[in-house]
Amino acid sequence: FHGIGANAVGALLGTVTPFCSCSSIPIFMGFTSAGLPLGVTFSFLISSPMVDLGSLVLLTSIFGVKIAMAYVVLGLVIAVLGGALIENLHMEDQIADFIRNNNSKVDIESPNLTVKDRLLYSRDQVVSTFKKVFPYILLGVAIGAVIHNWIPEGWVETVLGDNNPFGVILATLVGIPMYADIFGTIPIAEALLSKGALLGTILSFMMAVTTLSLPSLIMLKKVVKPKLLGTFIAICTAGIIIVGYGFNAIAYLLV
């Protein structure tokens, strides 16, 4: 696939896969080595940690259907447009040489699995995903509890409320050094919302934590050159900030 349609497929593939930002990078490397268009692989890399079907359920339970759906749709928009922009910049030479030169294709036979084998495999995948996700949920709940019970409401309103026009930018920048998947950020977001933080500001924080976490950027630096890494960060940051201010402007329609 090529073009916007290909970027959409890559973004949707990222949505149905339950990976955090660091887990998505090895898959991104495999896609790139296999010869997929660079923009498609970046659409996957952006959407995979940012948007998740499991998180859609949790977001719905906490914020409601409208906010959850808006978050997913806008996350996909960032992924599709970001990947398309990177594709049009023709930065294939910015991929690390050891990945670009490893584009050999290997044909293997697909195993013949019985229904029982598939059910056992599915069970193992569920257990594996649960073990990966559960610690982040506990961490997010713990941080959310601290915010909810110990941080004064006035502090949150001052920093992330409507009186601070730079709240979205600040929330985005604060989220980058942190590392958590989408499940770990939801309890924090709920606590911030209860303290008076604006909806778009909170969602910008969630997107920054999941997409631009410092550990994942360090890993990504090993496989892409500085120019492409800087472009990726700039595109994601700009998209997240735009979404944050947009959500703040229409929050009254969603809450």
C-alpha atoms as a PDB file:
ATOM      1  CA  PHE A   1       0.000   0.000   0.000  1.00  0.00           C
ATOM      2  CA  HIS A   2       0.989   3.597  -0.590  1.00  0.00           C
ATOM      3  CA  GLY A   3      -0.521   6.979   0.188  1.00  0.00           C
ATOM      4  CA  ILE A   4      -2.986   8.048   2.880  1.00  0.00           C
ATOM      5  CA  GLY A   5      -4.787   4.702   2.662  1.00  0.00           C
ATOM      6  CA  ALA A   6      -1.563   2.909   3.568  1.00  0.00           C
ATOM      7  CA  ASN A   7      -0.976   5.268   6.484  1.00  0.00           C
ATOM      8  CA  ALA A   8      -4.510   4.595   7.694  1.00  0.00           C
ATOM      9  CA  VAL A   9      -3.887   0.830   7.577  1.00  0.00           C
ATOM     10  CA  GLY A  10      -0.658   1.280   9.535  1.00  0.00           C
ATOM     11  CA  ALA A  11      -2.394   3.448  12.135  1.00  0.00           C
ATOM     12  CA  LEU A  12      -5.282   1.002  12.514  1.00  0.00           C
ATOM     13  CA  LEU A  13      -2.832  -1.877  12.905  1.00  0.00           C
ATOM     14  CA  GLY A  14      -1.230   0.071  15.732  1.00  0.00           C
ATOM     15  CA  THR A  15      -4.635   0.539  17.340  1.00  0.00           C
ATOM     16  CA  VAL A  16      -5.440  -3.174  17.556  1.00  0.00           C
ATOM     17  CA  THR A  17      -2.023  -4.142  18.934  1.00  0.00           C
ATOM     18  CA  PRO A  18      -1.534  -3.718  22.724  1.00  0.00           C
ATOM     19  CA  PHE A  19       2.034  -2.376  22.718  1.00  0.00           C
ATOM     20  CA  CYS A  20       3.674   0.414  24.684  1.00  0.00           C
ATOM     21  CA  SER A  21       6.080   2.785  22.952  1.00  0.00           C
ATOM     22  CA  CYS A  22       9.191   0.703  23.697  1.00  0.00           C
ATOM     23  CA  SER A  23       7.518  -2.537  22.562  1.00  0.00           C
ATOM     24  CA  SER A  24       6.480  -0.924  19.270  1.00  0.00           C
ATOM     25  CA  ILE A  25      10.028  -0.047  18.227  1.00  0.00           C
ATOM     26  CA  PRO A  26      11.246  -3.622  17.493  1.00  0.00           C
ATOM     27  CA  ILE A  27       8.133  -4.124  15.342  1.00  0.00           C
ATOM     28  CA  PHE A  28       8.842  -0.811  13.621  1.00  0.00           C
ATOM     29  CA  MET A  29      12.361  -2.111  12.894  1.00  0.00           C
ATOM     30  CA  GLY A  30      10.965  -5.308  11.426  1.00  0.00           C
ATOM     31  CA  PHE A  31       8.494  -3.453   9.223  1.00  0.00           C
ATOM     32  CA  THR A  32      11.224  -1.130   7.952  1.00  0.00           C
ATOM     33  CA  SER A  33      13.613  -4.024   7.274  1.00  0.00           C
ATOM     34  CA  ALA A  34      10.860  -5.798   5.340  1.00  0.00           C
ATOM     35  CA  GLY A  35      10.596  -2.834   2.970  1.00  0.00           C
ATOM     36  CA  LEU A  36       7.357  -1.197   4.106  1.00  0.00           C
ATOM     37  CA  PRO A  37       7.072   2.519   3.237  1.00  0.00           C
ATOM     38  CA  LEU A  38       8.612   4.716   5.907  1.00  0.00           C
ATOM     39  CA  GLY A  39       5.436   6.735   6.433  1.00  0.00           C
ATOM     40  CA  VAL A  40       3.383   3.597   7.057  1.00  0.00           C
ATOM     41  CA  THR A  41       5.800   2.342   9.684  1.00  0.00           C
ATOM     42  CA  PHE A  42       5.719   5.707  11.465  1.00  0.00           C
ATOM     43  CA  SER A  43       1.916   5.779  11.411  1.00  0.00           C
ATOM     44  CA  PHE A  44       2.062   2.445  13.213  1.00  0.00           C
ATOM     45  CA  LEU A  45       4.735   3.700  15.616  1.00  0.00           C
ATOM     46  CA  ILE A  46       2.631   6.738  16.573  1.00  0.00           C
ATOM     47  CA  SER A  47      -0.742   5.022  16.967  1.00  0.00           C
ATOM     48  CA  SER A  48       0.394   1.804  18.651  1.00  0.00           C
ATOM     49  CA  PRO A  49       1.184   3.287  22.087  1.00  0.00           C
ATOM     50  CA  MET A  50      -1.214   6.238  21.821  1.00  0.00           C
ATOM     51  CA  VAL A  51      -4.445   4.470  20.886  1.00  0.00           C
ATOM     52  CA  ASP A  52      -5.483   1.041  22.135  1.00  0.00           C
ATOM     53  CA  LEU A  53      -8.800  -0.806  22.038  1.00  0.00           C
ATOM     54  CA  GLY A  54      -8.412  -1.748  25.698  1.00  0.00           C
ATOM     55  CA  SER A  55      -7.853   1.865  26.639  1.00  0.00           C
ATOM     56  CA  LEU A  56     -11.011   2.783  24.695  1.00  0.00           C
ATOM     57  CA  VAL A  57     -13.013   0.681  27.160  1.00  0.00           C
ATOM     58  CA  LEU A  58     -11.342   2.289  30.184  1.00  0.00           C
ATOM     59  CA  LEU A  59     -11.645   5.790  28.755  1.00  0.00           C
ATOM     60  CA  THR A  60     -15.339   5.190  28.131  1.00  0.00           C
ATOM     61  CA  SER A  61     -15.905   4.001  31.698  1.00  0.00           C
ATOM     62  CA  ILE A  62     -14.228   7.108  33.165  1.00  0.00           C
ATOM     63  CA  PHE A  63     -14.821   9.959  30.700  1.00  0.00           C
ATOM     64  CA  GLY A  64     -17.792   8.727  28.681  1.00  0.00           C
ATOM     65  CA  VAL A  65     -18.274   7.566  25.104  1.00  0.00           C
ATOM     66  CA  LYS A  66     -17.913  10.980  23.428  1.00  0.00           C
ATOM     67  CA  ILE A  67     -14.533  11.771  24.967  1.00  0.00           C
ATOM     68  CA  ALA A  68     -13.214   8.239  24.446  1.00  0.00           C
ATOM     69  CA  MET A  69     -14.191   8.193  20.777  1.00  0.00           C
ATOM     70  CA  ALA A  70     -12.839  11.702  20.209  1.00  0.00           C
ATOM     71  CA  TYR A  71      -9.510  10.694  21.774  1.00  0.00           C
ATOM     72  CA  VAL A  72      -9.225   7.606  19.546  1.00  0.00           C
ATOM     73  CA  VAL A  73     -10.201   9.441  16.357  1.00  0.00           C
ATOM     74  CA  LEU A  74      -7.821  12.336  16.943  1.00  0.00           C
ATOM     75  CA  GLY A  75      -5.031   9.946  17.919  1.00  0.00           C
ATOM     76  CA  LEU A  76      -5.508   8.168  14.595  1.00  0.00           C
ATOM     77  CA  VAL A  77      -5.532  11.506  12.769  1.00  0.00           C
ATOM     78  CA  ILE A  78      -2.155  12.411  14.300  1.00  0.00           C
ATOM     79  CA  ALA A  79      -0.778   8.995  13.321  1.00  0.00           C
ATOM     80  CA  VAL A  80      -2.052   9.136   9.722  1.00  0.00           C
ATOM     81  CA  LEU A  81      -1.035  12.739   9.034  1.00  0.00           C
ATOM     82  CA  GLY A  82       2.287  12.355  10.837  1.00  0.00           C
ATOM     83  CA  GLY A  83       3.173   9.267   8.827  1.00  0.00           C
ATOM     84  CA  ALA A  84       2.065  10.921   5.581  1.00  0.00           C
ATOM     85  CA  LEU A  85       4.211  13.982   6.288  1.00  0.00           C
ATOM     86  CA  ILE A  86       7.284  11.853   7.030  1.00  0.00           C
ATOM     87  CA  GLU A  87       6.634   9.881   3.833  1.00  0.00           C
ATOM     88  CA  ASN A  88       6.505  13.073   1.745  1.00  0.00           C
ATOM     89  CA  LEU A  89       9.767  14.320   3.261  1.00  0.00           C
ATOM     90  CA  HIS A  90      11.562  11.289   1.728  1.00  0.00           C
ATOM     91  CA  MET A  91      13.826  10.639   4.692  1.00  0.00           C
ATOM     92  CA  GLU A  92      14.572   6.982   3.974  1.00  0.00           C
ATOM     93  CA  ASP A  93      18.292   7.748   4.201  1.00  0.00           C
ATOM     94  CA  GLN A  94      17.760   8.694   7.848  1.00  0.00           C
ATOM     95  CA  ILE A  95      17.145   5.082   8.850  1.00  0.00           C
ATOM     96  CA  ALA A  96      20.144   3.354  10.437  1.00  0.00           C
ATOM     97  CA  ASP A  97      22.227   1.496   7.863  1.00  0.00           C
ATOM     98  CA  PHE A  98      22.008  -1.867   9.620  1.00  0.00           C
ATOM     99  CA  ILE A  99      18.214  -1.781   9.218  1.00  0.00           C
ATOM    100  CA  ARG A 100      18.133  -0.517   5.634  1.00  0.00           C
ATOM    101  CA  ASN A 101      20.624  -3.189   4.547  1.00  0.00           C
ATOM    102  CA  ASN A 102      18.691  -5.956   6.262  1.00  0.00           C
ATOM    103  CA  ASN A 103      15.809  -6.150   3.844  1.00  0.00           C
ATOM    104  CA  SER A 104      16.104  -9.799   2.888  1.00  0.00           C
ATOM    105  CA  LYS A 105      12.846 -11.677   2.637  1.00  0.00           C
ATOM    106  CA  VAL A 106      12.440 -15.172   4.027  1.00  0.00           C
ATOM    107  CA  ASP A 107       9.606 -17.486   3.026  1.00  0.00           C
ATOM    108  CA  ILE A 108       8.463 -19.866   5.746  1.00  0.00           C
ATOM    109  CA  GLU A 109       5.557 -22.242   5.925  1.00  0.00           C
ATOM    110  CA  SER A 110       2.643 -21.306   8.150  1.00  0.00           C
ATOM    111  CA  PRO A 111       2.102 -23.841  10.939  1.00  0.00           C
ATOM    112  CA  ASN A 112      -1.073 -25.904  10.914  1.00  0.00           C
ATOM    113  CA  LEU A 113      -2.754 -25.106  14.231  1.00  0.00           C
ATOM    114  CA  THR A 114      -5.782 -26.893  15.622  1.00  0.00           C
ATOM    115  CA  VAL A 115      -8.574 -25.058  17.379  1.00  0.00           C
ATOM    116  CA  LYS A 116      -7.136 -26.222  20.711  1.00  0.00           C
ATOM    117  CA  ASP A 117      -3.689 -24.889  19.760  1.00  0.00           C
ATOM    118  CA  ARG A 118      -5.170 -21.517  18.852  1.00  0.00           C
ATOM    119  CA  LEU A 119      -7.132 -21.304  22.114  1.00  0.00           C
ATOM    120  CA  LEU A 120      -4.012 -22.156  24.138  1.00  0.00           C
ATOM    121  CA  TYR A 121      -2.009 -19.569  22.206  1.00  0.00           C
ATOM    122  CA  SER A 122      -4.715 -16.959  22.791  1.00  0.00           C
ATOM    123  CA  ARG A 123      -4.743 -17.764  26.507  1.00  0.00           C
ATOM    124  CA  ASP A 124      -0.973 -17.341  26.694  1.00  0.00           C
ATOM    125  CA  GLN A 125      -1.208 -14.003  24.896  1.00  0.00           C
ATOM    126  CA  VAL A 126      -3.868 -12.762  27.328  1.00  0.00           C
ATOM    127  CA  VAL A 127      -1.737 -13.764  30.319  1.00  0.00           C
ATOM    128  CA  SER A 128       1.348 -12.153  28.787  1.00  0.00           C
ATOM    129  CA  THR A 129      -0.469  -8.901  28.028  1.00  0.00           C
ATOM    130  CA  PHE A 130      -1.992  -8.821  31.514  1.00  0.00           C
ATOM    131  CA  LYS A 131       1.417  -9.229  33.142  1.00  0.00           C
ATOM    132  CA  LYS A 132       2.829  -6.386  31.031  1.00  0.00           C
ATOM    133  CA  VAL A 133      -0.050  -4.002  31.635  1.00  0.00           C
ATOM    134  CA  PHE A 134      -0.949  -4.630  35.284  1.00  0.00           C
ATOM    135  CA  PRO A 135       2.168  -3.031  36.871  1.00  0.00           C
ATOM    136  CA  TYR A 136       1.533   0.172  34.911  1.00  0.00           C
ATOM    137  CA  ILE A 137      -2.095   0.222  36.047  1.00  0.00           C
ATOM    138  CA  LEU A 138      -0.965  -0.093  39.679  1.00  0.00           C
ATOM    139  CA  LEU A 139       1.601   2.667  39.187  1.00  0.00           C
ATOM    140  CA  GLY A 140      -0.955   4.923  37.546  1.00  0.00           C
ATOM    141  CA  VAL A 141      -3.461   4.316  40.345  1.00  0.00           C
ATOM    142  CA  ALA A 142      -0.765   5.100  42.920  1.00  0.00           C
ATOM    143  CA  ILE A 143       0.187   8.394  41.235  1.00  0.00           C
ATOM    144  CA  GLY A 144      -3.472   9.247  40.765  1.00  0.00           C
ATOM    145  CA  ALA A 145      -4.105   8.609  44.472  1.00  0.00           C
ATOM    146  CA  VAL A 146      -1.251  10.937  45.428  1.00  0.00           C
ATOM    147  CA  ILE A 147      -2.626  13.683  43.156  1.00  0.00           C
ATOM    148  CA  HIS A 148      -6.163  13.135  44.417  1.00  0.00           C
ATOM    149  CA  ASN A 149      -5.365  13.126  48.138  1.00  0.00           C
ATOM    150  CA  TRP A 150      -2.202  15.166  48.607  1.00  0.00           C
ATOM    151  CA  ILE A 151      -1.801  17.782  45.872  1.00  0.00           C
ATOM    152  CA  PRO A 152      -3.961  20.866  46.577  1.00  0.00           C
ATOM    153  CA  GLU A 153      -6.694  21.518  44.044  1.00  0.00           C
ATOM    154  CA  GLY A 154      -5.535  25.112  43.641  1.00  0.00           C
ATOM    155  CA  TRP A 155      -2.114  23.988  42.414  1.00  0.00           C
ATOM    156  CA  VAL A 156      -3.585  21.857  39.650  1.00  0.00           C
ATOM    157  CA  GLU A 157      -6.049  24.562  38.610  1.00  0.00           C
ATOM    158  CA  THR A 158      -3.258  27.149  38.509  1.00  0.00           C
ATOM    159  CA  VAL A 159      -0.901  25.021  36.410  1.00  0.00           C
ATOM    160  CA  LEU A 160      -3.323  23.079  34.200  1.00  0.00           C
ATOM    161  CA  GLY A 161      -6.553  25.050  34.480  1.00  0.00           C
ATOM    162  CA  ASP A 162      -8.097  27.602  32.131  1.00  0.00           C
ATOM    163  CA  ASN A 163      -6.207  30.462  33.748  1.00  0.00           C
ATOM    164  CA  ASN A 164      -2.942  29.221  32.297  1.00  0.00           C
ATOM    165  CA  PRO A 165      -2.875  29.562  28.490  1.00  0.00           C
ATOM    166  CA  PHE A 166       0.304  27.476  28.365  1.00  0.00           C
ATOM    167  CA  GLY A 167      -1.196  24.550  30.299  1.00  0.00           C
ATOM    168  CA  VAL A 168      -1.361  22.284  27.234  1.00  0.00           C
ATOM    169  CA  ILE A 169       2.266  22.957  26.312  1.00  0.00           C
ATOM    170  CA  LEU A 170       3.390  22.418  29.898  1.00  0.00           C
ATOM    171  CA  ALA A 171       1.438  19.153  30.227  1.00  0.00           C
ATOM    172  CA  THR A 172       2.960  17.884  26.980  1.00  0.00           C
ATOM    173  CA  LEU A 173       6.510  18.723  28.035  1.00  0.00           C
ATOM    174  CA  VAL A 174       6.013  17.230  31.504  1.00  0.00           C
ATOM    175  CA  GLY A 175       4.708  14.009  30.003  1.00  0.00           C
ATOM    176  CA  ILE A 176       7.723  13.373  27.763  1.00  0.00           C
ATOM    177  CA  PRO A 177      10.243  12.323  30.475  1.00  0.00           C
ATOM    178  CA  MET A 178       7.738   9.888  31.988  1.00  0.00           C
ATOM    179  CA  TYR A 179       7.218   6.302  30.885  1.00  0.00           C
ATOM    180  CA  ALA A 180       3.904   4.463  31.037  1.00  0.00           C
ATOM    181  CA  ASP A 181       1.460   2.887  28.663  1.00  0.00           C
ATOM    182  CA  ILE A 182      -2.054   4.199  28.103  1.00  0.00           C
ATOM    183  CA  PHE A 183      -3.452   2.089  30.944  1.00  0.00           C
ATOM    184  CA  GLY A 184      -1.089   3.654  33.456  1.00  0.00           C
ATOM    185  CA  THR A 185      -2.009   7.214  32.483  1.00  0.00           C
ATOM    186  CA  ILE A 186      -5.795   6.873  32.773  1.00  0.00           C
ATOM    187  CA  PRO A 187      -5.941   6.895  36.625  1.00  0.00           C
ATOM    188  CA  ILE A 188      -3.655   9.946  36.633  1.00  0.00           C
ATOM    189  CA  ALA A 189      -5.910  11.657  34.092  1.00  0.00           C
ATOM    190  CA  GLU A 190      -8.985  10.925  36.211  1.00  0.00           C
ATOM    191  CA  ALA A 191      -7.334  12.445  39.287  1.00  0.00           C
ATOM    192  CA  LEU A 192      -6.238  15.562  37.368  1.00  0.00           C
ATOM    193  CA  LEU A 193      -9.731  16.034  35.974  1.00  0.00           C
ATOM    194  CA  SER A 194     -11.235  15.857  39.465  1.00  0.00           C
ATOM    195  CA  LYS A 195      -8.786  18.556  40.589  1.00  0.00           C
ATOM    196  CA  GLY A 196      -9.864  21.007  37.904  1.00  0.00           C
ATOM    197  CA  ALA A 197      -7.415  20.416  35.053  1.00  0.00           C
ATOM    198  CA  LEU A 198      -8.837  21.060  31.590  1.00  0.00           C
ATOM    199  CA  LEU A 199      -9.817  18.082  29.462  1.00  0.00           C
ATOM    200  CA  GLY A 200      -7.590  18.878  26.481  1.00  0.00           C
ATOM    201  CA  THR A 201      -4.633  19.522  28.766  1.00  0.00           C
ATOM    202  CA  ILE A 202      -5.090  16.112  30.390  1.00  0.00           C
ATOM    203  CA  LEU A 203      -5.362  14.319  27.053  1.00  0.00           C
ATOM    204  CA  SER A 204      -2.223  16.078  25.811  1.00  0.00           C
ATOM    205  CA  PHE A 205      -0.412  14.780  28.887  1.00  0.00           C
ATOM    206  CA  MET A 206      -1.644  11.229  28.188  1.00  0.00           C
ATOM    207  CA  MET A 207      -0.577  11.366  24.536  1.00  0.00           C
ATOM    208  CA  ALA A 208       2.863  12.755  25.390  1.00  0.00           C
ATOM    209  CA  VAL A 209       3.528  10.091  28.024  1.00  0.00           C
ATOM    210  CA  THR A 210       2.538   7.218  25.760  1.00  0.00           C
ATOM    211  CA  THR A 211       4.028   8.426  22.465  1.00  0.00           C
ATOM    212  CA  LEU A 212       7.090  10.486  23.383  1.00  0.00           C
ATOM    213  CA  SER A 213       8.376   8.796  26.534  1.00  0.00           C
ATOM    214  CA  LEU A 214      12.087   9.335  27.067  1.00  0.00           C
ATOM    215  CA  PRO A 215      13.002   5.593  27.184  1.00  0.00           C
ATOM    216  CA  SER A 216      11.342   4.989  23.815  1.00  0.00           C
ATOM    217  CA  LEU A 217      13.090   8.007  22.260  1.00  0.00           C
ATOM    218  CA  ILE A 218      16.427   6.670  23.493  1.00  0.00           C
ATOM    219  CA  MET A 219      15.662   3.325  21.859  1.00  0.00           C
ATOM    220  CA  LEU A 220      14.462   4.991  18.664  1.00  0.00           C
ATOM    221  CA  LYS A 221      17.688   6.998  18.479  1.00  0.00           C
ATOM    222  CA  LYS A 222      19.514   3.703  17.884  1.00  0.00           C
ATOM    223  CA  VAL A 223      17.555   2.979  14.705  1.00  0.00           C
ATOM    224  CA  VAL A 224      16.968   6.413  13.144  1.00  0.00           C
ATOM    225  CA  LYS A 225      19.334   9.316  12.565  1.00  0.00           C
ATOM    226  CA  PRO A 226      18.992  12.653  14.407  1.00  0.00           C
ATOM    227  CA  LYS A 227      17.219  14.497  11.589  1.00  0.00           C
ATOM    228  CA  LEU A 228      14.419  11.923  11.363  1.00  0.00           C
ATOM    229  CA  LEU A 229      14.190  11.594  15.143  1.00  0.00           C
ATOM    230  CA  GLY A 230      13.835  15.375  15.475  1.00  0.00           C
ATOM    231  CA  THR A 231      11.172  15.421  12.761  1.00  0.00           C
ATOM    232  CA  PHE A 232       9.226  12.641  14.499  1.00  0.00           C
ATOM    233  CA  ILE A 233       9.351  14.461  17.843  1.00  0.00           C
ATOM    234  CA  ALA A 234       8.344  17.790  16.282  1.00  0.00           C
ATOM    235  CA  ILE A 235       5.395  16.305  14.378  1.00  0.00           C
ATOM    236  CA  CYS A 236       4.068  14.400  17.402  1.00  0.00           C
ATOM    237  CA  THR A 237       4.550  17.336  19.768  1.00  0.00           C
ATOM    238  CA  ALA A 238       2.812  19.780  17.435  1.00  0.00           C
ATOM    239  CA  GLY A 239      -0.054  17.347  16.823  1.00  0.00           C
ATOM    240  CA  ILE A 240      -0.534  16.671  20.542  1.00  0.00           C
ATOM    241  CA  ILE A 241      -0.544  20.380  21.405  1.00  0.00           C
ATOM    242  CA  ILE A 242      -3.049  21.165  18.637  1.00  0.00           C
ATOM    243  CA  VAL A 243      -5.313  18.350  19.851  1.00  0.00           C
ATOM    244  CA  GLY A 244      -5.031  19.611  23.433  1.00  0.00           C
ATOM    245  CA  TYR A 245      -6.080  23.162  22.605  1.00  0.00           C
ATOM    246  CA  GLY A 246      -8.798  21.824  20.313  1.00  0.00           C
ATOM    247  CA  PHE A 247     -10.229  19.633  23.074  1.00  0.00           C
ATOM    248  CA  ASN A 248     -10.171  22.551  25.505  1.00  0.00           C
ATOM    249  CA  ALA A 249     -12.127  24.644  23.013  1.00  0.00           C
ATOM    250  CA  ILE A 250     -14.889  22.045  22.545  1.00  0.00           C
ATOM    251  CA  ALA A 251     -14.817  20.406  25.979  1.00  0.00           C
ATOM    252  CA  TYR A 252     -18.252  21.851  26.826  1.00  0.00           C
ATOM    253  CA  LEU A 253     -19.709  19.771  23.980  1.00  0.00           C
ATOM    254  CA  LEU A 254     -18.189  16.524  25.275  1.00  0.00           C
ATOM    255  CA  VAL A 255     -18.546  16.690  29.050  1.00  0.00           C
END
